[in-house]
């Protein structure tokens, strides 16, 4: 099973079995899938624990958008662990302060873990682009002498129009097209739909 499937299985177990007397620890829910899917799942999970289960929960996340829940939910609060930077390095102080974290330290942690310096430098460059610090300049408008000349689209002659009309009018629907029109897709099971697809493929290849 994938890491994300394991994560979702554990999340489902918590959501089904936790009670108001439980202590729930959630760590980076949604990290194993796309950003928007992961954020949506993390948000809905946190809301369910706060509104439905109403248990004491510590919910660690790097989705900054989730800090909005502290304003929307009565008993939700944001806290963060402090860190300090010095000479492009980082020291985690492990002090808990009120409020959301002001930034992420992913690149610094990667450097501490021994990721090659070239990769770190490239990551910084990519981060700057993603944050909009190195947006490409907008192209300048052409001068009057550079204005593109619009070309008039040639209109088809009367004979060409008649020929085109006759060509499309003479195109009869194929057997496959007729079969597709007759299919009741909502009434097919997945197996029946697959069988129909194989039959149509055989007709096309035949």
Foldseek 3Di string as FASTA:
>chain_A
DDPLVVLVVVLVVCLVPAAQADEEEAAAAQPPDDPVVRVVVLLVSVCCCVPPRVHHYDHHHPPPVSCCVPVVGDPDFDKDFDWDDDPLAIDTPRDIDGDHDPDDDVLNVCVVVPDDPVVSVVVVVVVCVVVPVDDDDDDDDDDPVPDDDDDDDDDDDPVVVVVVVVVVVPDDDDPLVVVVVPDPVVPDDPVRVVVNVVVSVVVVVD
